[in-house]
Amino acid sequence: MENEFNHLFIITHTDLDGIGAGAVAVRLLGRVDGGYTVVFAEPYNVHNSIEDILDHLDKGDLIIISDLGANRESLPRAADLLASATSKGVAVKWFDHHIWSNDELELLRRAGVEVTVDTSTCATGVVARYLTPDGGDGFIKQFVDAVCSADLWKWTHPLSGKLFRVVGERNQDMEWKHKVLAKFAAGVMWDEELEKRLEGYVNEELKGYTTAIKNAVSIKIHELKIASTYKNFRGPPSSSMIGALLLHRYNADIAIIVRSDGGLSLRSRMVNVQPIARELGGGGHPKAAGAKIEVPLLVRLASRLYPKILSLYAARLVAAKASELSLIEATG
């Protein structure tokens, strides 16, 4: 299949699943030794990433987009840009495992994009299952198991926790992400360099948990209990790890991790948080979703001195959206 197109462009998410999906695409398409370009993106800025490569595209090129769910703000612009690419003979395949509406899928298909969505597995699994007929070699099957075990929060593979920690933090530098993707594509799932990285990560993770708890607030609106923290530091732990801690420590229905740029991560064990994220312009899964919000200037400034102010602002915003969607009554 590697001879059926010219250059391979991959636009993928910044976490372990996104990196894994990109690596599987490179390996399946026979581009381990080169002939591909990777751009990392978030759902809310995927259109910017498409725009960045648009002038470099030629007829016969292939774009793979993976682990990037539909975003209300960015998807229409992304569809317009991809329509421009397909009109010049560029093939575009979008693989995802988040929840999409029929209208969103149709928007991309009208632009000439081949969209594959399968919510039964992680994005790495979607690429492995649908990109090529054979599904890859033994390494890919093991790799998909490890990545999906972490991304779907099952932790059944012995390497899942390690991979999640050294690869899954979105704030790690892009050079490292490119390096790890190349390792995975070449068939390396773990080595001494990754082990060394893990040691440093764990030390930073413990410090991060302490700060996250210090910045946390817990509120109860009617029957809905929300725990929220402002992540005002770079590095570990990941939003998912902090979310799990908040849910357990405060016995919360919803955990919120808000960042200074307005990035908002929602986690839950019982409440479907995906509609809340969509109302805020984002999306995701029923128990793990995210969005990007506009934080008022005064809140941003005050949070520099008192971080809990932003934690509380995010908690009240999510509570208001949950009330509008009647999620509070459904939880009680």
C-alpha atoms as a PDB file:
ATOM      1  CA  MET A   1       0.000   0.000   0.000  1.00  0.00           C
ATOM      2  CA  GLU A   2       2.995   2.298   0.543  1.00  0.00           C
ATOM      3  CA  ASN A   3       3.381   2.714  -3.216  1.00  0.00           C
ATOM      4  CA  GLU A   4      -0.163   3.970  -3.720  1.00  0.00           C
ATOM      5  CA  PHE A   5       0.574   7.490  -2.471  1.00  0.00           C
ATOM      6  CA  ASN A   6       3.436   9.938  -2.296  1.00  0.00           C
ATOM      7  CA  HIS A   7       4.111  11.717   0.997  1.00  0.00           C
ATOM      8  CA  LEU A   8       2.319  10.723   4.203  1.00  0.00           C
ATOM      9  CA  PHE A   9       1.062  13.519   6.476  1.00  0.00           C
ATOM     10  CA  ILE A  10      -0.197  12.550   9.944  1.00  0.00           C
ATOM     11  CA  ILE A  11      -2.192  14.916  12.145  1.00  0.00           C
ATOM     12  CA  THR A  12      -2.783  13.305  15.509  1.00  0.00           C
ATOM     13  CA  HIS A  13      -3.542  13.990  19.158  1.00  0.00           C
ATOM     14  CA  THR A  14      -0.768  14.751  21.643  1.00  0.00           C
ATOM     15  CA  ASP A  15      -1.453  11.911  24.113  1.00  0.00           C
ATOM     16  CA  LEU A  16      -0.399   8.257  24.152  1.00  0.00           C
ATOM     17  CA  ASP A  17      -3.339   7.148  22.015  1.00  0.00           C
ATOM     18  CA  GLY A  18      -2.680   9.839  19.420  1.00  0.00           C
ATOM     19  CA  ILE A  19       1.016   9.001  19.260  1.00  0.00           C
ATOM     20  CA  GLY A  20       0.184   5.312  19.102  1.00  0.00           C
ATOM     21  CA  ALA A  21      -2.291   5.834  16.263  1.00  0.00           C
ATOM     22  CA  GLY A  22       0.299   7.790  14.291  1.00  0.00           C
ATOM     23  CA  ALA A  23       2.952   5.141  14.896  1.00  0.00           C
ATOM     24  CA  VAL A  24       0.656   2.336  13.734  1.00  0.00           C
ATOM     25  CA  ALA A  25      -0.153   4.285  10.555  1.00  0.00           C
ATOM     26  CA  VAL A  26       3.559   4.746   9.797  1.00  0.00           C
ATOM     27  CA  ARG A  27       4.270   1.067  10.401  1.00  0.00           C
ATOM     28  CA  LEU A  28       1.283  -0.269   8.462  1.00  0.00           C
ATOM     29  CA  LEU A  29       2.033   1.967   5.486  1.00  0.00           C
ATOM     30  CA  GLY A  30       5.702   1.002   5.337  1.00  0.00           C
ATOM     31  CA  ARG A  31       7.127   4.440   6.110  1.00  0.00           C
ATOM     32  CA  VAL A  32       9.319   3.551   9.105  1.00  0.00           C
ATOM     33  CA  ASP A  33      12.439   4.737   7.268  1.00  0.00           C
ATOM     34  CA  GLY A  34      10.941   8.081   6.231  1.00  0.00           C
ATOM     35  CA  GLY A  35       8.587   9.734   3.795  1.00  0.00           C
ATOM     36  CA  TYR A  36       6.191  11.025   6.430  1.00  0.00           C
ATOM     37  CA  THR A  37       5.482  14.179   8.419  1.00  0.00           C
ATOM     38  CA  VAL A  38       3.748  14.262  11.822  1.00  0.00           C
ATOM     39  CA  VAL A  39       1.880  17.270  13.212  1.00  0.00           C
ATOM     40  CA  PHE A  40       0.444  17.125  16.742  1.00  0.00           C
ATOM     41  CA  ALA A  41      -2.880  18.823  17.430  1.00  0.00           C
ATOM     42  CA  GLU A  42      -5.797  19.194  19.820  1.00  0.00           C
ATOM     43  CA  PRO A  43      -9.455  18.941  18.703  1.00  0.00           C
ATOM     44  CA  TYR A  44      -9.934  22.705  19.097  1.00  0.00           C
ATOM     45  CA  ASN A  45      -6.991  23.618  16.831  1.00  0.00           C
ATOM     46  CA  VAL A  46      -6.980  20.809  14.273  1.00  0.00           C
ATOM     47  CA  HIS A  47      -7.892  23.340  11.563  1.00  0.00           C
ATOM     48  CA  ASN A  48      -4.655  25.220  12.293  1.00  0.00           C
ATOM     49  CA  SER A  49      -2.651  22.030  11.804  1.00  0.00           C
ATOM     50  CA  ILE A  50      -4.363  21.355   8.487  1.00  0.00           C
ATOM     51  CA  GLU A  51      -3.672  24.916   7.397  1.00  0.00           C
ATOM     52  CA  ASP A  52       0.008  24.486   8.311  1.00  0.00           C
ATOM     53  CA  ILE A  53       0.484  21.633   5.822  1.00  0.00           C
ATOM     54  CA  LEU A  54      -1.864  22.855   3.090  1.00  0.00           C
ATOM     55  CA  ASP A  55       0.824  24.575   1.006  1.00  0.00           C
ATOM     56  CA  HIS A  56       3.052  21.490   1.202  1.00  0.00           C
ATOM     57  CA  LEU A  57       0.489  19.108  -0.268  1.00  0.00           C
ATOM     58  CA  ASP A  58       0.750  17.661  -3.758  1.00  0.00           C
ATOM     59  CA  LYS A  59      -1.475  15.399  -5.805  1.00  0.00           C
ATOM     60  CA  GLY A  60      -1.095  11.823  -4.633  1.00  0.00           C
ATOM     61  CA  ASP A  61      -0.278  12.646  -1.003  1.00  0.00           C
ATOM     62  CA  LEU A  62      -2.136  11.032   1.894  1.00  0.00           C
ATOM     63  CA  ILE A  63      -3.327  12.721   5.098  1.00  0.00           C
ATOM     64  CA  ILE A  64      -4.133  10.570   8.137  1.00  0.00           C
ATOM     65  CA  ILE A  65      -5.965  12.330  10.989  1.00  0.00           C
ATOM     66  CA  SER A  66      -6.316  10.309  14.194  1.00  0.00           C
ATOM     67  CA  ASP A  67      -7.649  10.524  17.748  1.00  0.00           C
ATOM     68  CA  LEU A  68      -9.131  13.984  17.179  1.00  0.00           C
ATOM     69  CA  GLY A  69     -12.856  14.173  17.889  1.00  0.00           C
ATOM     70  CA  ALA A  70     -15.353  16.601  16.417  1.00  0.00           C
ATOM     71  CA  ASN A  71     -15.056  20.118  17.819  1.00  0.00           C
ATOM     72  CA  ARG A  72     -17.899  22.558  17.219  1.00  0.00           C
ATOM     73  CA  GLU A  73     -15.583  25.512  16.652  1.00  0.00           C
ATOM     74  CA  SER A  74     -12.823  23.937  14.565  1.00  0.00           C
ATOM     75  CA  LEU A  75     -14.598  21.265  12.495  1.00  0.00           C
ATOM     76  CA  PRO A  76     -16.317  23.520   9.897  1.00  0.00           C
ATOM     77  CA  ARG A  77     -13.012  25.263   9.102  1.00  0.00           C
ATOM     78  CA  ALA A  78     -11.225  21.906   9.047  1.00  0.00           C
ATOM     79  CA  ALA A  79     -13.782  20.565   6.568  1.00  0.00           C
ATOM     80  CA  ASP A  80     -13.303  23.564   4.254  1.00  0.00           C
ATOM     81  CA  LEU A  81      -9.524  23.140   4.295  1.00  0.00           C
ATOM     82  CA  LEU A  82      -9.731  19.402   3.689  1.00  0.00           C
ATOM     83  CA  ALA A  83     -12.124  19.969   0.782  1.00  0.00           C
ATOM     84  CA  SER A  84      -9.431  22.165  -0.747  1.00  0.00           C
ATOM     85  CA  ALA A  85      -6.903  19.353  -0.284  1.00  0.00           C
ATOM     86  CA  THR A  86      -9.082  16.601  -1.749  1.00  0.00           C
ATOM     87  CA  SER A  87      -9.934  18.803  -4.729  1.00  0.00           C
ATOM     88  CA  LYS A  88      -6.258  18.705  -5.726  1.00  0.00           C
ATOM     89  CA  GLY A  89      -5.995  14.939  -5.536  1.00  0.00           C
ATOM     90  CA  VAL A  90      -4.932  14.486  -1.907  1.00  0.00           C
ATOM     91  CA  ALA A  91      -6.488  11.514  -0.093  1.00  0.00           C
ATOM     92  CA  VAL A  92      -7.699  12.156   3.473  1.00  0.00           C
ATOM     93  CA  LYS A  93      -8.577   9.472   6.036  1.00  0.00           C
ATOM     94  CA  TRP A  94      -9.836  10.414   9.523  1.00  0.00           C
ATOM     95  CA  PHE A  95      -9.806   7.737  12.262  1.00  0.00           C
ATOM     96  CA  ASP A  96     -11.379   8.302  15.667  1.00  0.00           C
ATOM     97  CA  HIS A  97     -13.113   6.632  18.616  1.00  0.00           C
ATOM     98  CA  HIS A  98     -14.966   9.589  20.140  1.00  0.00           C
ATOM     99  CA  ILE A  99     -18.691  10.245  19.742  1.00  0.00           C
ATOM    100  CA  TRP A 100     -19.712  12.010  16.516  1.00  0.00           C
ATOM    101  CA  SER A 101     -23.085  13.187  15.279  1.00  0.00           C
ATOM    102  CA  ASN A 102     -24.326  12.238  11.822  1.00  0.00           C
ATOM    103  CA  ASP A 103     -24.165  15.896  10.780  1.00  0.00           C
ATOM    104  CA  GLU A 104     -20.499  16.116  11.754  1.00  0.00           C
ATOM    105  CA  LEU A 105     -19.645  12.959   9.858  1.00  0.00           C
ATOM    106  CA  GLU A 106     -21.549  14.154   6.816  1.00  0.00           C
ATOM    107  CA  LEU A 107     -19.725  17.492   6.899  1.00  0.00           C
ATOM    108  CA  LEU A 108     -16.387  15.737   6.418  1.00  0.00           C
ATOM    109  CA  ARG A 109     -17.677  13.227   3.907  1.00  0.00           C
ATOM    110  CA  ARG A 110     -18.989  16.057   1.732  1.00  0.00           C
ATOM    111  CA  ALA A 111     -15.423  17.407   1.794  1.00  0.00           C
ATOM    112  CA  GLY A 112     -14.179  14.126   0.325  1.00  0.00           C
ATOM    113  CA  VAL A 113     -12.820  12.755   3.611  1.00  0.00           C
ATOM    114  CA  GLU A 114     -13.022   9.055   4.400  1.00  0.00           C
ATOM    115  CA  VAL A 115     -14.124   8.996   8.069  1.00  0.00           C
ATOM    116  CA  THR A 116     -13.928   5.894  10.251  1.00  0.00           C
ATOM    117  CA  VAL A 117     -15.310   6.068  13.788  1.00  0.00           C
ATOM    118  CA  ASP A 118     -15.366   3.061  16.116  1.00  0.00           C
ATOM    119  CA  THR A 119     -16.143   3.714  19.786  1.00  0.00           C
ATOM    120  CA  SER A 120     -15.419   0.112  20.822  1.00  0.00           C
ATOM    121  CA  THR A 121     -11.650   0.602  20.922  1.00  0.00           C
ATOM    122  CA  CYS A 122      -9.000   3.311  21.249  1.00  0.00           C
ATOM    123  CA  ALA A 123      -7.830   5.378  18.267  1.00  0.00           C
ATOM    124  CA  THR A 124      -4.701   3.237  17.922  1.00  0.00           C
ATOM    125  CA  GLY A 125      -6.999   0.248  17.637  1.00  0.00           C
ATOM    126  CA  VAL A 126      -9.171   1.996  15.041  1.00  0.00           C
ATOM    127  CA  VAL A 127      -6.162   2.677  12.798  1.00  0.00           C
ATOM    128  CA  ALA A 128      -4.876  -0.879  13.200  1.00  0.00           C
ATOM    129  CA  ARG A 129      -8.303  -2.344  12.464  1.00  0.00           C
ATOM    130  CA  TYR A 130      -9.298  -0.275   9.436  1.00  0.00           C
ATOM    131  CA  LEU A 131      -6.281   1.298   7.724  1.00  0.00           C
ATOM    132  CA  THR A 132      -5.077  -1.878   5.980  1.00  0.00           C
ATOM    133  CA  PRO A 133      -6.802  -5.203   5.354  1.00  0.00           C
ATOM    134  CA  ASP A 134      -4.336  -7.347   7.346  1.00  0.00           C
ATOM    135  CA  GLY A 135      -4.344  -5.301  10.583  1.00  0.00           C
ATOM    136  CA  GLY A 136      -0.587  -5.501  10.960  1.00  0.00           C
ATOM    137  CA  ASP A 137       1.942  -7.806  12.575  1.00  0.00           C
ATOM    138  CA  GLY A 138       2.331  -9.316  16.039  1.00  0.00           C
ATOM    139  CA  PHE A 139       3.976  -6.178  17.409  1.00  0.00           C
ATOM    140  CA  ILE A 140       1.013  -4.008  16.404  1.00  0.00           C
ATOM    141  CA  LYS A 141      -1.429  -6.369  18.095  1.00  0.00           C
ATOM    142  CA  GLN A 142       0.559  -6.232  21.345  1.00  0.00           C
ATOM    143  CA  PHE A 143       1.027  -2.488  21.024  1.00  0.00           C
ATOM    144  CA  VAL A 144      -2.696  -1.852  20.486  1.00  0.00           C
ATOM    145  CA  ASP A 145      -3.439  -3.909  23.596  1.00  0.00           C
ATOM    146  CA  ALA A 146      -1.012  -1.826  25.680  1.00  0.00           C
ATOM    147  CA  VAL A 147      -2.237   1.546  24.413  1.00  0.00           C
ATOM    148  CA  CYS A 148      -5.958   0.751  24.587  1.00  0.00           C
ATOM    149  CA  SER A 149      -5.549  -0.684  28.068  1.00  0.00           C
ATOM    150  CA  ALA A 150      -4.302   2.730  29.211  1.00  0.00           C
ATOM    151  CA  ASP A 151      -6.514   4.965  27.089  1.00  0.00           C
ATOM    152  CA  LEU A 152      -9.706   3.092  27.981  1.00  0.00           C
ATOM    153  CA  TRP A 153      -8.634   3.038  31.650  1.00  0.00           C
ATOM    154  CA  LYS A 154      -8.476  -0.768  31.949  1.00  0.00           C
ATOM    155  CA  TRP A 155      -4.790  -1.210  32.921  1.00  0.00           C
ATOM    156  CA  THR A 156      -4.678  -4.879  31.938  1.00  0.00           C
ATOM    157  CA  HIS A 157      -1.359  -4.733  30.033  1.00  0.00           C
ATOM    158  CA  PRO A 158       1.861  -4.675  32.113  1.00  0.00           C
ATOM    159  CA  LEU A 159       3.294  -1.746  30.147  1.00  0.00           C
ATOM    160  CA  SER A 160       0.160   0.430  30.117  1.00  0.00           C
ATOM    161  CA  GLY A 161       0.949   2.436  33.235  1.00  0.00           C
ATOM    162  CA  LYS A 162       4.535   3.024  32.168  1.00  0.00           C
ATOM    163  CA  LEU A 163       3.643   4.092  28.628  1.00  0.00           C
ATOM    164  CA  PHE A 164       0.900   6.375  29.875  1.00  0.00           C
ATOM    165  CA  ARG A 165       3.324   8.156  32.173  1.00  0.00           C
ATOM    166  CA  VAL A 166       6.265   8.669  29.830  1.00  0.00           C
ATOM    167  CA  VAL A 167       4.207   9.428  26.721  1.00  0.00           C
ATOM    168  CA  GLY A 168       0.753  10.565  27.747  1.00  0.00           C
ATOM    169  CA  GLU A 169       1.456  13.959  29.290  1.00  0.00           C
ATOM    170  CA  ARG A 170       0.348  16.538  26.725  1.00  0.00           C
ATOM    171  CA  ASN A 171       2.755  19.206  27.992  1.00  0.00           C
ATOM    172  CA  GLN A 172       5.876  17.202  27.252  1.00  0.00           C
ATOM    173  CA  ASP A 173       8.030  18.644  24.478  1.00  0.00           C
ATOM    174  CA  MET A 174       7.166  17.911  20.872  1.00  0.00           C
ATOM    175  CA  GLU A 175      10.656  16.614  20.080  1.00  0.00           C
ATOM    176  CA  TRP A 176      10.124  13.829  22.617  1.00  0.00           C
ATOM    177  CA  LYS A 177       6.731  12.951  21.154  1.00  0.00           C
ATOM    178  CA  HIS A 178       8.207  12.650  17.657  1.00  0.00           C
ATOM    179  CA  LYS A 179      11.019  10.475  19.003  1.00  0.00           C
ATOM    180  CA  VAL A 180       8.649   8.125  20.816  1.00  0.00           C
ATOM    181  CA  LEU A 181       6.367   7.845  17.790  1.00  0.00           C
ATOM    182  CA  ALA A 182       9.362   6.805  15.676  1.00  0.00           C
ATOM    183  CA  LYS A 183      10.337   4.197  18.302  1.00  0.00           C
ATOM    184  CA  PHE A 184       6.854   2.688  18.281  1.00  0.00           C
ATOM    185  CA  ALA A 185       6.692   2.668  14.492  1.00  0.00           C
ATOM    186  CA  ALA A 186      10.022   0.810  14.397  1.00  0.00           C
ATOM    187  CA  GLY A 187       8.718  -1.871  16.754  1.00  0.00           C
ATOM    188  CA  VAL A 188      10.220  -0.644  20.037  1.00  0.00           C
ATOM    189  CA  MET A 189       7.653  -0.582  22.856  1.00  0.00           C
ATOM    190  CA  TRP A 190      10.071  -0.141  25.761  1.00  0.00           C
ATOM    191  CA  ASP A 191      13.805   0.485  26.158  1.00  0.00           C
ATOM    192  CA  GLU A 192      16.373   1.972  28.535  1.00  0.00           C
ATOM    193  CA  GLU A 193      15.688   5.533  27.400  1.00  0.00           C
ATOM    194  CA  LEU A 194      11.985   5.186  28.191  1.00  0.00           C
ATOM    195  CA  GLU A 195      12.827   3.585  31.546  1.00  0.00           C
ATOM    196  CA  LYS A 196      15.064   6.524  32.464  1.00  0.00           C
ATOM    197  CA  ARG A 197      12.343   8.955  31.450  1.00  0.00           C
ATOM    198  CA  LEU A 198       9.889   7.114  33.677  1.00  0.00           C
ATOM    199  CA  GLU A 199      12.095   7.562  36.759  1.00  0.00           C
ATOM    200  CA  GLY A 200      12.121  11.344  36.345  1.00  0.00           C
ATOM    201  CA  TYR A 201       8.414  11.402  35.582  1.00  0.00           C
ATOM    202  CA  VAL A 202       7.413   9.601  38.774  1.00  0.00           C
ATOM    203  CA  ASN A 203       9.321  12.109  40.920  1.00  0.00           C
ATOM    204  CA  GLU A 204       7.553  15.018  39.206  1.00  0.00           C
ATOM    205  CA  GLU A 205       4.211  13.216  39.392  1.00  0.00           C
ATOM    206  CA  LEU A 206       4.328  13.033  43.199  1.00  0.00           C
ATOM    207  CA  LYS A 207       5.014  16.781  43.424  1.00  0.00           C
ATOM    208  CA  GLY A 208       2.168  17.457  40.987  1.00  0.00           C
ATOM    209  CA  TYR A 209      -0.379  15.525  43.058  1.00  0.00           C
ATOM    210  CA  THR A 210       0.478  17.664  46.082  1.00  0.00           C
ATOM    211  CA  THR A 211      -0.079  20.892  44.137  1.00  0.00           C
ATOM    212  CA  ALA A 212      -3.303  19.620  42.540  1.00  0.00           C
ATOM    213  CA  ILE A 213      -4.804  18.841  45.943  1.00  0.00           C
ATOM    214  CA  LYS A 214      -3.682  22.224  47.280  1.00  0.00           C
ATOM    215  CA  ASN A 215      -5.548  23.970  44.420  1.00  0.00           C
ATOM    216  CA  ALA A 216      -8.685  21.816  44.671  1.00  0.00           C
ATOM    217  CA  VAL A 217     -12.197  22.806  45.725  1.00  0.00           C
ATOM    218  CA  SER A 218     -15.299  20.698  46.215  1.00  0.00           C
ATOM    219  CA  ILE A 219     -18.856  21.975  45.821  1.00  0.00           C
ATOM    220  CA  LYS A 220     -22.294  20.404  45.850  1.00  0.00           C
ATOM    221  CA  ILE A 221     -25.100  21.793  43.693  1.00  0.00           C
ATOM    222  CA  HIS A 222     -28.363  20.048  44.527  1.00  0.00           C
ATOM    223  CA  GLU A 223     -27.383  16.372  44.226  1.00  0.00           C
ATOM    224  CA  LEU A 224     -24.283  16.850  42.068  1.00  0.00           C
ATOM    225  CA  LYS A 225     -20.894  16.874  43.784  1.00  0.00           C
ATOM    226  CA  ILE A 226     -18.063  18.454  41.801  1.00  0.00           C
ATOM    227  CA  ALA A 227     -14.353  18.453  42.632  1.00  0.00           C
ATOM    228  CA  SER A 228     -12.246  20.914  40.655  1.00  0.00           C
ATOM    229  CA  THR A 229      -8.584  21.878  40.560  1.00  0.00           C
ATOM    230  CA  TYR A 230      -6.508  24.426  38.695  1.00  0.00           C
ATOM    231  CA  LYS A 231      -3.456  22.812  37.111  1.00  0.00           C
ATOM    232  CA  ASN A 232      -1.103  25.791  37.236  1.00  0.00           C
ATOM    233  CA  PHE A 233       2.037  23.766  36.600  1.00  0.00           C
ATOM    234  CA  ARG A 234       3.520  21.991  33.602  1.00  0.00           C
ATOM    235  CA  GLY A 235       4.249  18.317  33.550  1.00  0.00           C
ATOM    236  CA  PRO A 236       2.781  15.353  35.396  1.00  0.00           C
ATOM    237  CA  PRO A 237       0.455  14.002  36.539  1.00  0.00           C
ATOM    238  CA  SER A 238      -1.870  13.861  33.556  1.00  0.00           C
ATOM    239  CA  SER A 239      -5.416  15.176  33.683  1.00  0.00           C
ATOM    240  CA  SER A 240      -6.753  11.622  33.810  1.00  0.00           C
ATOM    241  CA  MET A 241      -4.595  10.770  36.810  1.00  0.00           C
ATOM    242  CA  ILE A 242      -5.591  13.961  38.639  1.00  0.00           C
ATOM    243  CA  GLY A 243      -9.230  13.325  37.744  1.00  0.00           C
ATOM    244  CA  ALA A 244      -9.101   9.820  39.222  1.00  0.00           C
ATOM    245  CA  LEU A 245      -7.584  11.244  42.418  1.00  0.00           C
ATOM    246  CA  LEU A 246     -10.265  13.948  42.744  1.00  0.00           C
ATOM    247  CA  LEU A 247     -13.124  11.514  42.153  1.00  0.00           C
ATOM    248  CA  HIS A 248     -11.828   9.207  44.855  1.00  0.00           C
ATOM    249  CA  ARG A 249     -10.640  11.778  47.418  1.00  0.00           C
ATOM    250  CA  TYR A 250     -13.823  13.879  47.354  1.00  0.00           C
ATOM    251  CA  ASN A 251     -16.263  11.098  46.407  1.00  0.00           C
ATOM    252  CA  ALA A 252     -17.230  13.385  43.524  1.00  0.00           C
ATOM    253  CA  ASP A 253     -19.626  12.824  40.644  1.00  0.00           C
ATOM    254  CA  ILE A 254     -17.518  14.972  38.309  1.00  0.00           C
ATOM    255  CA  ALA A 255     -13.843  15.922  38.454  1.00  0.00           C
ATOM    256  CA  ILE A 256     -12.585  19.030  36.655  1.00  0.00           C
ATOM    257  CA  ILE A 257      -9.031  19.939  35.733  1.00  0.00           C
ATOM    258  CA  VAL A 258      -8.741  23.483  34.387  1.00  0.00           C
ATOM    259  CA  ARG A 259      -5.574  25.060  32.957  1.00  0.00           C
ATOM    260  CA  SER A 260      -4.488  28.657  32.575  1.00  0.00           C
ATOM    261  CA  ASP A 261      -5.175  28.637  28.817  1.00  0.00           C
ATOM    262  CA  GLY A 262      -8.807  27.639  29.448  1.00  0.00           C
ATOM    263  CA  GLY A 263      -8.279  23.967  28.689  1.00  0.00           C
ATOM    264  CA  LEU A 264     -10.878  21.981  30.617  1.00  0.00           C
ATOM    265  CA  SER A 265     -10.812  18.235  31.294  1.00  0.00           C
ATOM    266  CA  LEU A 266     -13.847  16.446  32.724  1.00  0.00           C
ATOM    267  CA  ARG A 267     -13.777  13.009  34.330  1.00  0.00           C
ATOM    268  CA  SER A 268     -16.538  10.947  35.946  1.00  0.00           C
ATOM    269  CA  ARG A 269     -17.474   7.428  36.977  1.00  0.00           C
ATOM    270  CA  MET A 270     -21.280   7.790  36.821  1.00  0.00           C
ATOM    271  CA  VAL A 271     -22.214  10.999  34.965  1.00  0.00           C
ATOM    272  CA  ASN A 272     -22.066  11.352  31.184  1.00  0.00           C
ATOM    273  CA  VAL A 273     -19.822  14.422  30.885  1.00  0.00           C
ATOM    274  CA  GLN A 274     -19.646  14.387  27.085  1.00  0.00           C
ATOM    275  CA  PRO A 275     -22.784  16.579  26.634  1.00  0.00           C
ATOM    276  CA  ILE A 276     -21.308  19.136  29.048  1.00  0.00           C
ATOM    277  CA  ALA A 277     -18.094  19.279  27.024  1.00  0.00           C
ATOM    278  CA  ARG A 278     -20.058  19.657  23.796  1.00  0.00           C
ATOM    279  CA  GLU A 279     -22.044  22.555  25.259  1.00  0.00           C
ATOM    280  CA  LEU A 280     -18.695  24.208  26.021  1.00  0.00           C
ATOM    281  CA  GLY A 281     -17.466  23.679  22.455  1.00  0.00           C
ATOM    282  CA  GLY A 282     -15.567  20.419  23.026  1.00  0.00           C
ATOM    283  CA  GLY A 283     -16.343  16.731  23.080  1.00  0.00           C
ATOM    284  CA  GLY A 284     -14.980  13.341  24.048  1.00  0.00           C
ATOM    285  CA  HIS A 285     -16.260  10.234  25.779  1.00  0.00           C
ATOM    286  CA  PRO A 286     -19.108   9.719  28.285  1.00  0.00           C
ATOM    287  CA  LYS A 287     -16.687   9.452  31.229  1.00  0.00           C
ATOM    288  CA  ALA A 288     -13.764  11.509  29.884  1.00  0.00           C
ATOM    289  CA  ALA A 289     -14.259  14.674  27.860  1.00  0.00           C
ATOM    290  CA  GLY A 290     -12.774  18.111  27.395  1.00  0.00           C
ATOM    291  CA  ALA A 291     -13.232  21.606  26.025  1.00  0.00           C
ATOM    292  CA  LYS A 292     -11.570  24.986  25.934  1.00  0.00           C
ATOM    293  CA  ILE A 293     -13.281  27.870  27.700  1.00  0.00           C
ATOM    294  CA  GLU A 294     -12.787  31.619  27.856  1.00  0.00           C
ATOM    295  CA  VAL A 295     -11.612  32.547  31.343  1.00  0.00           C
ATOM    296  CA  PRO A 296     -12.477  36.143  32.382  1.00  0.00           C
ATOM    297  CA  LEU A 297      -9.443  38.379  32.795  1.00  0.00           C
ATOM    298  CA  LEU A 298     -10.172  39.108  36.454  1.00  0.00           C
ATOM    299  CA  VAL A 299     -10.426  35.405  37.229  1.00  0.00           C
ATOM    300  CA  ARG A 300      -7.120  34.722  35.470  1.00  0.00           C
ATOM    301  CA  LEU A 301      -5.361  37.510  37.348  1.00  0.00           C
ATOM    302  CA  ALA A 302      -6.807  36.623  40.727  1.00  0.00           C
ATOM    303  CA  SER A 303      -5.919  32.962  40.225  1.00  0.00           C
ATOM    304  CA  ARG A 304      -2.242  33.813  40.098  1.00  0.00           C
ATOM    305  CA  LEU A 305      -2.438  34.672  43.785  1.00  0.00           C
ATOM    306  CA  TYR A 306      -5.314  32.389  44.778  1.00  0.00           C
ATOM    307  CA  PRO A 307      -5.435  29.342  42.443  1.00  0.00           C
ATOM    308  CA  LYS A 308      -8.668  28.071  43.978  1.00  0.00           C
ATOM    309  CA  ILE A 309     -10.524  30.991  42.358  1.00  0.00           C
ATOM    310  CA  LEU A 310     -10.148  29.407  38.917  1.00  0.00           C
ATOM    311  CA  SER A 311     -10.962  25.976  40.353  1.00  0.00           C
ATOM    312  CA  LEU A 312     -14.209  27.379  41.744  1.00  0.00           C
ATOM    313  CA  TYR A 313     -15.041  29.277  38.542  1.00  0.00           C
ATOM    314  CA  ALA A 314     -14.715  26.071  36.499  1.00  0.00           C
ATOM    315  CA  ALA A 315     -16.794  24.091  39.007  1.00  0.00           C
ATOM    316  CA  ARG A 316     -19.660  26.592  38.891  1.00  0.00           C
ATOM    317  CA  LEU A 317     -19.529  26.778  35.092  1.00  0.00           C
ATOM    318  CA  VAL A 318     -19.782  23.005  34.754  1.00  0.00           C
ATOM    319  CA  ALA A 319     -22.542  22.860  37.382  1.00  0.00           C
ATOM    320  CA  ALA A 320     -24.545  25.443  35.409  1.00  0.00           C
ATOM    321  CA  LYS A 321     -24.173  23.434  32.186  1.00  0.00           C
ATOM    322  CA  ALA A 322     -25.119  20.220  34.005  1.00  0.00           C
ATOM    323  CA  SER A 323     -28.248  21.941  35.316  1.00  0.00           C
ATOM    324  CA  GLU A 324     -29.202  23.163  31.828  1.00  0.00           C
ATOM    325  CA  LEU A 325     -28.849  19.606  30.546  1.00  0.00           C
ATOM    326  CA  SER A 326     -30.854  18.191  33.484  1.00  0.00           C
ATOM    327  CA  LEU A 327     -27.887  16.096  34.580  1.00  0.00           C
ATOM    328  CA  ILE A 328     -28.252  17.203  38.176  1.00  0.00           C
ATOM    329  CA  GLU A 329     -31.733  15.740  38.502  1.00  0.00           C
ATOM    330  CA  ALA A 330     -30.589  12.566  36.764  1.00  0.00           C
ATOM    331  CA  THR A 331     -27.775  12.147  39.283  1.00  0.00           C
ATOM    332  CA  GLY A 332     -29.879  12.542  42.406  1.00  0.00           C
END
